Amino acid sequence: MKMHVKLLSSALMAVALVSGNAQAQDAWPNRPITYVAAFPPGSNTDTLGRIIAQKLSVALKVPVIVDNKAGATGMVGSAYVAKAAPDGYTILGASIASHAITPSMHATTQYDPVKSFEPITVIGMNANVLVVPVNSPYKTVADIIAAAKAHPGTLSYASSGIGTTQHLSGELFQKMAGIKMIHVPYARTPALQDVIAGQVPMMFEGPTVFQHILNGKVRAIAVTSPKRLAALPNVPTMAEAGVPGYEIQAWQAIWAPAGVPKPIINRLYTELAAILKDPDTVSRLEKMGVTPSGMTPEAFAVYQKSEVAKWGQLIRSAGIQAE
């Protein structure tokens, strides 16, 4: 009899626990959500986060507060979220840098870019543009390749830092074109200004270069996306320009800490996917040079793993290490 009572009591406790957890998930969200932006105010990650947070607040009917935790190319904010409670009240806005590139440049990190997080969705993607000064003798990718082969190891290209997509765009170009160039990383001063001034022959730059192209301050040679950009319809892709198979697209995405219940991930994805289809969001992102995505959590998981492998291989083969 006592055994039956104990079994019945245990069963009732288990049912109560499951019921309690289900009710807690059903009640989510019932307090403010923190959206950690892993890059500084004014960055693409921050700007996109504020667009998303404002609309997500309306959809979920609770405040969604952007909290910038910048540093170490997104690794500081990412590590913070990796250690946060898996309750759906802390989410992360970060990028290809923090979740596919930078971890491969360090012997140890405070998080695993895949295992430490639950992928929710990719906000959007943007290409880099290969640009040269307006008075440059290089008018095509073929011109640059010919010059680099004629004088190996003398032609240089700028970037905003080691391990950035600008840097890796140049590394991939060298590898696929069979050339050798000198990488000139910038840290505190804008690299693009020296390209405009003619002090560095070229660089791969993101959407911030669009206005300088349209204003005639630099010449666009090619874009790194698989298709031409609507904003630059006359600029060929790198593949069209003579480097078949070349493609680099930077991306911004949203994660939760590993262990967040699937119903919460699904709810977040549903609301974010709707936000990314909203005409106002689409317009605002496209003006930033970002193509909205809305990739499902499952597709995003597969995509991120492929990106980690792709960039890890390039980083190792090029011998790139964090400073």
Protein backbone atom coordinates (compact mmCIF):
# COMPACT_ATOMS: atom_id res chain seq x y z
CA MET A 1 0.00 0.00 0.00
CA LYS A 2 2.77 2.40 0.92
CA MET A 3 4.53 1.64 -2.38
CA HIS A 4 1.36 2.51 -4.30
CA VAL A 5 1.05 5.79 -2.42
CA LYS A 6 4.67 6.70 -3.17
CA LEU A 7 4.27 5.87 -6.87
CA LEU A 8 1.05 7.89 -7.05
CA SER A 9 2.71 10.83 -5.27
CA SER A 10 5.72 10.73 -7.64
CA ALA A 11 3.44 10.60 -10.66
CA LEU A 12 1.41 13.57 -9.43
CA MET A 13 4.60 15.57 -8.80
CA ALA A 14 5.87 14.79 -12.32
CA VAL A 15 2.55 15.86 -13.84
CA ALA A 16 2.63 19.06 -11.79
CA LEU A 17 6.19 19.80 -12.88
CA VAL A 18 5.40 19.27 -16.57
CA SER A 19 2.22 21.30 -16.20
CA GLY A 20 4.11 24.08 -14.44
CA ASN A 21 6.76 24.19 -17.15
CA ALA A 22 4.11 24.23 -19.86
CA GLN A 23 2.29 27.08 -18.15
CA ALA A 24 5.54 29.03 -17.79
CA GLN A 25 6.23 28.61 -21.52
CA ASP A 26 2.62 29.48 -22.40
CA ALA A 27 2.93 32.65 -20.30
CA TRP A 28 6.11 33.72 -22.09
CA PRO A 29 6.81 36.55 -22.43
CA ASN A 30 5.55 38.31 -19.34
CA ARG A 31 8.47 40.69 -18.71
CA PRO A 32 11.03 42.68 -20.75
CA ILE A 33 13.39 40.89 -23.15
CA THR A 34 17.02 41.96 -23.52
CA TYR A 35 18.35 42.06 -27.08
CA VAL A 36 22.14 42.01 -26.75
CA ALA A 37 23.85 43.70 -29.71
CA ALA A 38 27.38 42.30 -29.85
CA PHE A 39 28.77 45.34 -31.67
CA PRO A 40 28.93 49.05 -30.75
CA PRO A 41 26.25 51.72 -31.21
CA GLY A 42 26.03 52.83 -34.83
CA SER A 43 27.22 49.49 -36.22
CA ASN A 44 25.06 47.48 -38.64
CA THR A 45 24.36 45.00 -35.83
CA ASP A 46 23.18 47.79 -33.52
CA THR A 47 21.07 49.56 -36.16
CA LEU A 48 19.39 46.34 -37.25
CA GLY A 49 18.84 45.37 -33.63
CA ARG A 50 16.99 48.60 -32.91
CA ILE A 51 14.77 48.19 -35.97
CA ILE A 52 13.96 44.61 -34.95
CA ALA A 53 13.55 45.34 -31.22
CA GLN A 54 11.01 48.12 -31.76
CA LYS A 55 8.80 45.91 -33.92
CA LEU A 56 9.29 42.81 -31.74
CA SER A 57 8.15 44.82 -28.71
CA VAL A 58 4.86 45.51 -30.48
CA ALA A 59 4.44 41.90 -31.60
CA LEU A 60 5.17 40.36 -28.19
CA LYS A 61 3.55 43.15 -26.15
CA VAL A 62 6.56 43.49 -23.83
CA PRO A 63 9.56 45.84 -24.00
CA VAL A 64 12.52 44.54 -26.02
CA ILE A 65 15.57 46.48 -24.83
CA VAL A 66 18.76 46.72 -26.89
CA ASP A 67 21.87 46.35 -24.75
CA ASN A 68 25.22 46.91 -26.51
CA LYS A 69 27.97 44.60 -25.25
CA ALA A 70 30.71 45.22 -27.79
CA GLY A 71 34.29 44.02 -27.91
CA ALA A 72 36.60 41.43 -29.47
CA THR A 73 34.72 41.45 -32.80
CA GLY A 74 31.45 40.41 -31.20
CA MET A 75 32.89 37.83 -28.84
CA VAL A 76 32.18 39.76 -25.61
CA GLY A 77 28.44 40.04 -26.21
CA SER A 78 28.25 36.50 -27.57
CA ALA A 79 29.95 35.06 -24.50
CA TYR A 80 27.56 37.01 -22.28
CA VAL A 81 24.48 35.55 -23.99
CA ALA A 82 25.97 32.04 -24.06
CA LYS A 83 26.01 32.16 -20.24
CA ALA A 84 22.56 33.74 -19.85
CA ALA A 85 19.58 31.83 -18.46
CA PRO A 86 17.88 29.80 -21.23
CA ASP A 87 14.46 31.28 -20.53
CA GLY A 88 13.87 33.35 -23.66
CA TYR A 89 14.44 36.69 -21.95
CA THR A 90 17.93 37.24 -23.39
CA ILE A 91 18.59 37.02 -27.13
CA LEU A 92 21.62 37.91 -29.23
CA GLY A 93 22.09 40.00 -32.34
CA ALA A 94 25.49 39.22 -33.87
CA SER A 95 27.10 38.37 -37.19
CA ILE A 96 29.27 36.22 -39.43
CA ALA A 97 32.27 37.69 -37.59
CA SER A 98 31.35 36.44 -34.10
CA HIS A 99 29.72 33.18 -35.24
CA ALA A 100 31.69 31.94 -38.23
CA ILE A 101 35.02 33.79 -38.51
CA THR A 102 36.56 35.07 -35.28
CA PRO A 103 36.32 31.84 -33.20
CA SER A 104 38.56 30.08 -35.75
CA MET A 105 41.25 32.70 -35.16
CA HIS A 106 41.57 31.95 -31.43
CA ALA A 107 43.01 28.89 -29.71
CA THR A 108 40.33 29.14 -27.00
CA THR A 109 37.05 31.02 -26.76
CA GLN A 110 34.42 31.50 -24.07
CA TYR A 111 31.69 30.01 -26.25
CA ASP A 112 31.15 27.58 -29.09
CA PRO A 113 29.59 29.47 -32.04
CA VAL A 114 27.26 26.54 -32.74
CA LYS A 115 26.77 24.51 -29.54
CA SER A 116 26.35 27.47 -27.16
CA PHE A 117 23.29 28.87 -28.94
CA GLU A 118 19.87 28.12 -30.38
CA PRO A 119 19.67 29.63 -33.88
CA ILE A 120 16.53 31.67 -34.50
CA THR A 121 16.92 33.38 -37.88
CA VAL A 122 19.19 35.29 -40.24
CA ILE A 123 18.13 38.94 -40.39
CA GLY A 124 19.79 39.58 -43.73
CA MET A 125 22.88 39.50 -45.90
CA ASN A 126 25.08 42.05 -47.60
CA ALA A 127 27.88 41.91 -50.12
CA ASN A 128 31.23 43.65 -50.17
CA VAL A 129 32.34 45.74 -53.15
CA LEU A 130 35.87 45.76 -54.57
CA VAL A 131 36.72 49.44 -55.04
CA VAL A 132 39.74 51.42 -56.25
CA PRO A 133 40.53 55.15 -56.35
CA VAL A 134 38.85 56.99 -59.23
CA ASN A 135 42.22 57.66 -60.88
CA SER A 136 43.38 54.04 -60.53
CA PRO A 137 44.74 52.28 -63.64
CA TYR A 138 42.69 49.21 -62.63
CA LYS A 139 39.31 49.12 -64.31
CA THR A 140 38.55 45.40 -64.10
CA VAL A 141 39.32 42.39 -61.92
CA ALA A 142 41.43 41.08 -64.80
CA ASP A 143 43.57 44.24 -64.59
CA ILE A 144 44.23 43.63 -60.90
CA ILE A 145 45.07 39.95 -61.42
CA ALA A 146 47.47 40.81 -64.26
CA ALA A 147 49.25 43.43 -62.14
CA ALA A 148 49.49 41.10 -59.14
CA LYS A 149 50.96 38.33 -61.26
CA ALA A 150 53.42 40.69 -62.93
CA HIS A 151 54.65 41.97 -59.55
CA PRO A 152 53.91 39.29 -56.91
CA GLY A 153 53.61 40.48 -53.32
CA THR A 154 53.73 44.20 -54.09
CA LEU A 155 50.08 45.10 -54.65
CA SER A 156 48.22 45.89 -51.42
CA TYR A 157 44.62 46.04 -50.24
CA ALA A 158 43.13 47.65 -47.14
CA SER A 159 40.58 46.33 -44.64
CA SER A 160 39.02 47.46 -41.38
CA GLY A 161 40.90 44.78 -39.46
CA ILE A 162 42.21 41.23 -39.31
CA GLY A 163 39.48 38.63 -39.64
CA THR A 164 36.84 41.00 -41.02
CA THR A 165 34.89 40.07 -44.13
CA GLN A 166 36.84 42.79 -45.95
CA HIS A 167 40.08 41.02 -45.03
CA LEU A 168 38.78 37.56 -45.92
CA SER A 169 37.33 38.84 -49.20
CA GLY A 170 40.90 39.69 -50.17
CA GLU A 171 42.28 36.37 -48.90
CA LEU A 172 39.69 34.41 -50.89
CA PHE A 173 40.43 36.54 -53.97
CA GLN A 174 44.14 35.73 -53.71
CA LYS A 175 43.51 32.03 -53.21
CA MET A 176 41.06 31.65 -56.08
CA ALA A 177 42.94 33.91 -58.52
CA GLY A 178 46.34 32.43 -57.73
CA ILE A 179 47.92 35.75 -56.75
CA LYS A 180 49.73 37.20 -53.74
CA MET A 181 48.96 40.65 -52.30
CA ILE A 182 49.79 42.56 -49.11
CA HIS A 183 47.02 43.00 -46.53
CA VAL A 184 46.93 46.40 -44.81
CA PRO A 185 44.62 46.19 -41.77
CA TYR A 186 43.30 49.37 -40.17
CA ALA A 187 42.16 49.58 -36.57
CA ARG A 188 41.11 53.07 -35.51
CA THR A 189 41.10 55.09 -38.75
CA PRO A 190 38.74 54.36 -41.67
CA ALA A 191 40.57 52.36 -44.33
CA LEU A 192 38.28 53.67 -47.05
CA GLN A 193 39.57 57.21 -46.65
CA ASP A 194 43.09 56.10 -47.61
CA VAL A 195 41.71 54.26 -50.63
CA ILE A 196 39.81 57.39 -51.71
CA ALA A 197 43.05 59.37 -51.27
CA GLY A 198 44.99 56.85 -53.35
CA GLN A 199 47.30 55.79 -50.52
CA VAL A 200 46.15 52.15 -50.81
CA PRO A 201 45.30 50.66 -54.23
CA MET A 202 42.06 48.92 -53.30
CA MET A 203 39.79 47.35 -50.70
CA PHE A 204 36.67 45.25 -50.33
CA GLU A 205 34.09 47.31 -48.43
CA GLY A 206 30.50 46.83 -47.27
CA PRO A 207 27.35 48.93 -47.85
CA THR A 208 28.93 52.05 -46.37
CA VAL A 209 30.85 52.44 -49.64
CA PHE A 210 27.72 52.81 -51.78
CA GLN A 211 27.42 56.56 -51.28
CA HIS A 212 31.08 57.06 -52.19
CA ILE A 213 30.62 55.05 -55.39
CA LEU A 214 27.53 57.03 -56.38
CA ASN A 215 29.30 60.31 -55.51
CA GLY A 216 32.24 59.38 -57.73
CA LYS A 217 34.83 59.18 -54.95
CA VAL A 218 35.81 55.56 -55.73
CA ARG A 219 35.36 53.21 -58.69
CA ALA A 220 33.49 49.94 -58.15
CA ILE A 221 35.18 46.97 -59.83
CA ALA A 222 33.05 44.00 -58.68
CA VAL A 223 30.68 42.78 -55.97
CA THR A 224 31.18 39.66 -53.86
CA SER A 225 27.57 38.44 -53.99
CA PRO A 226 26.40 35.63 -56.32
CA LYS A 227 24.12 38.12 -58.13
CA ARG A 228 24.51 41.76 -59.08
CA LEU A 229 23.20 44.29 -56.58
CA ALA A 230 20.08 46.32 -57.35
CA ALA A 231 21.89 49.43 -56.07
CA LEU A 232 24.84 48.81 -58.43
CA PRO A 233 23.33 47.08 -61.49
CA ASN A 234 26.26 47.86 -63.79
CA VAL A 235 28.90 46.39 -61.47
CA PRO A 236 29.67 42.71 -62.23
CA THR A 237 30.01 39.96 -59.65
CA MET A 238 33.48 38.60 -58.95
CA ALA A 239 32.42 35.41 -60.72
CA GLU A 240 31.33 37.35 -63.81
CA ALA A 241 34.56 39.34 -63.66
CA GLY A 242 36.78 36.28 -63.98
CA VAL A 243 36.87 34.45 -60.63
CA PRO A 244 34.33 31.60 -61.04
CA GLY A 245 32.77 30.34 -57.82
CA TYR A 246 33.80 33.38 -55.79
CA GLU A 247 31.19 34.41 -53.22
CA ILE A 248 31.25 36.22 -49.89
CA GLN A 249 28.18 37.56 -48.16
CA ALA A 250 28.29 38.99 -44.68
CA TRP A 251 25.26 38.19 -42.55
CA GLN A 252 23.53 39.36 -39.39
CA ALA A 253 21.48 36.98 -37.28
CA ILE A 254 19.67 36.32 -34.01
CA TRP A 255 20.29 33.54 -31.48
CA ALA A 256 19.14 32.52 -28.01
CA PRO A 257 21.23 30.69 -25.40
CA ALA A 258 21.37 26.91 -25.81
CA GLY A 259 18.54 25.22 -23.97
CA VAL A 260 15.77 27.73 -24.61
CA PRO A 261 12.55 25.69 -25.04
CA LYS A 262 11.53 24.99 -28.63
CA PRO A 263 8.08 26.64 -28.29
CA ILE A 264 9.79 29.92 -27.36
CA ILE A 265 12.24 29.64 -30.28
CA ASN A 266 9.31 28.95 -32.62
CA ARG A 267 7.38 31.95 -31.32
CA LEU A 268 10.37 34.22 -31.72
CA TYR A 269 10.98 32.94 -35.24
CA THR A 270 7.35 33.40 -36.23
CA GLU A 271 7.31 37.02 -35.09
CA LEU A 272 10.75 37.81 -36.56
CA ALA A 273 9.89 36.24 -39.92
CA ALA A 274 6.78 38.44 -40.11
CA ILE A 275 8.84 41.52 -39.18
CA LEU A 276 11.38 40.76 -41.91
CA LYS A 277 8.59 40.56 -44.50
CA ASP A 278 7.06 43.86 -43.41
CA PRO A 279 7.42 46.45 -46.23
CA ASP A 280 8.77 49.07 -43.82
CA THR A 281 11.46 46.70 -42.54
CA VAL A 282 12.36 45.60 -46.06
CA SER A 283 12.72 49.21 -47.19
CA ARG A 284 14.87 50.19 -44.20
CA LEU A 285 17.15 47.19 -44.58
CA GLU A 286 17.57 47.62 -48.32
CA LYS A 287 18.62 51.23 -47.79
CA MET A 288 21.39 49.83 -45.59
CA GLY A 289 22.43 47.47 -48.38
CA VAL A 290 21.03 44.48 -46.48
CA THR A 291 18.83 41.89 -48.20
CA PRO A 292 16.27 40.53 -45.67
CA SER A 293 16.40 36.77 -45.08
CA GLY A 294 14.10 35.25 -42.45
CA MET A 295 15.77 31.83 -42.73
CA THR A 296 14.13 29.16 -40.54
CA PRO A 297 15.97 28.00 -37.40
CA GLU A 298 16.60 24.61 -39.01
CA ALA A 299 17.96 26.08 -42.26
CA PHE A 300 20.01 28.62 -40.31
CA ALA A 301 21.62 25.86 -38.24
CA VAL A 302 22.77 24.06 -41.39
CA TYR A 303 23.93 27.30 -43.02
CA GLN A 304 25.93 28.45 -40.01
CA LYS A 305 27.76 25.13 -39.74
CA SER A 306 28.73 25.37 -43.41
CA GLU A 307 29.98 28.94 -42.88
CA VAL A 308 32.06 27.94 -39.83
CA ALA A 309 33.68 25.18 -41.90
CA LYS A 310 34.24 27.41 -44.94
CA TRP A 311 35.91 30.28 -43.10
CA GLY A 312 37.78 28.03 -40.68
CA GLN A 313 39.43 26.31 -43.62
CA LEU A 314 40.38 29.62 -45.26
CA ILE A 315 41.72 31.06 -41.98
CA ARG A 316 43.86 27.99 -41.32
CA SER A 317 45.20 27.79 -44.88
CA ALA A 318 46.08 31.50 -44.85
CA GLY A 319 47.61 31.27 -41.37
CA ILE A 320 45.44 34.11 -40.02
CA GLN A 321 45.61 34.69 -36.27
CA ALA A 322 44.07 37.30 -34.00
CA GLU A 323 46.44 40.05 -32.89
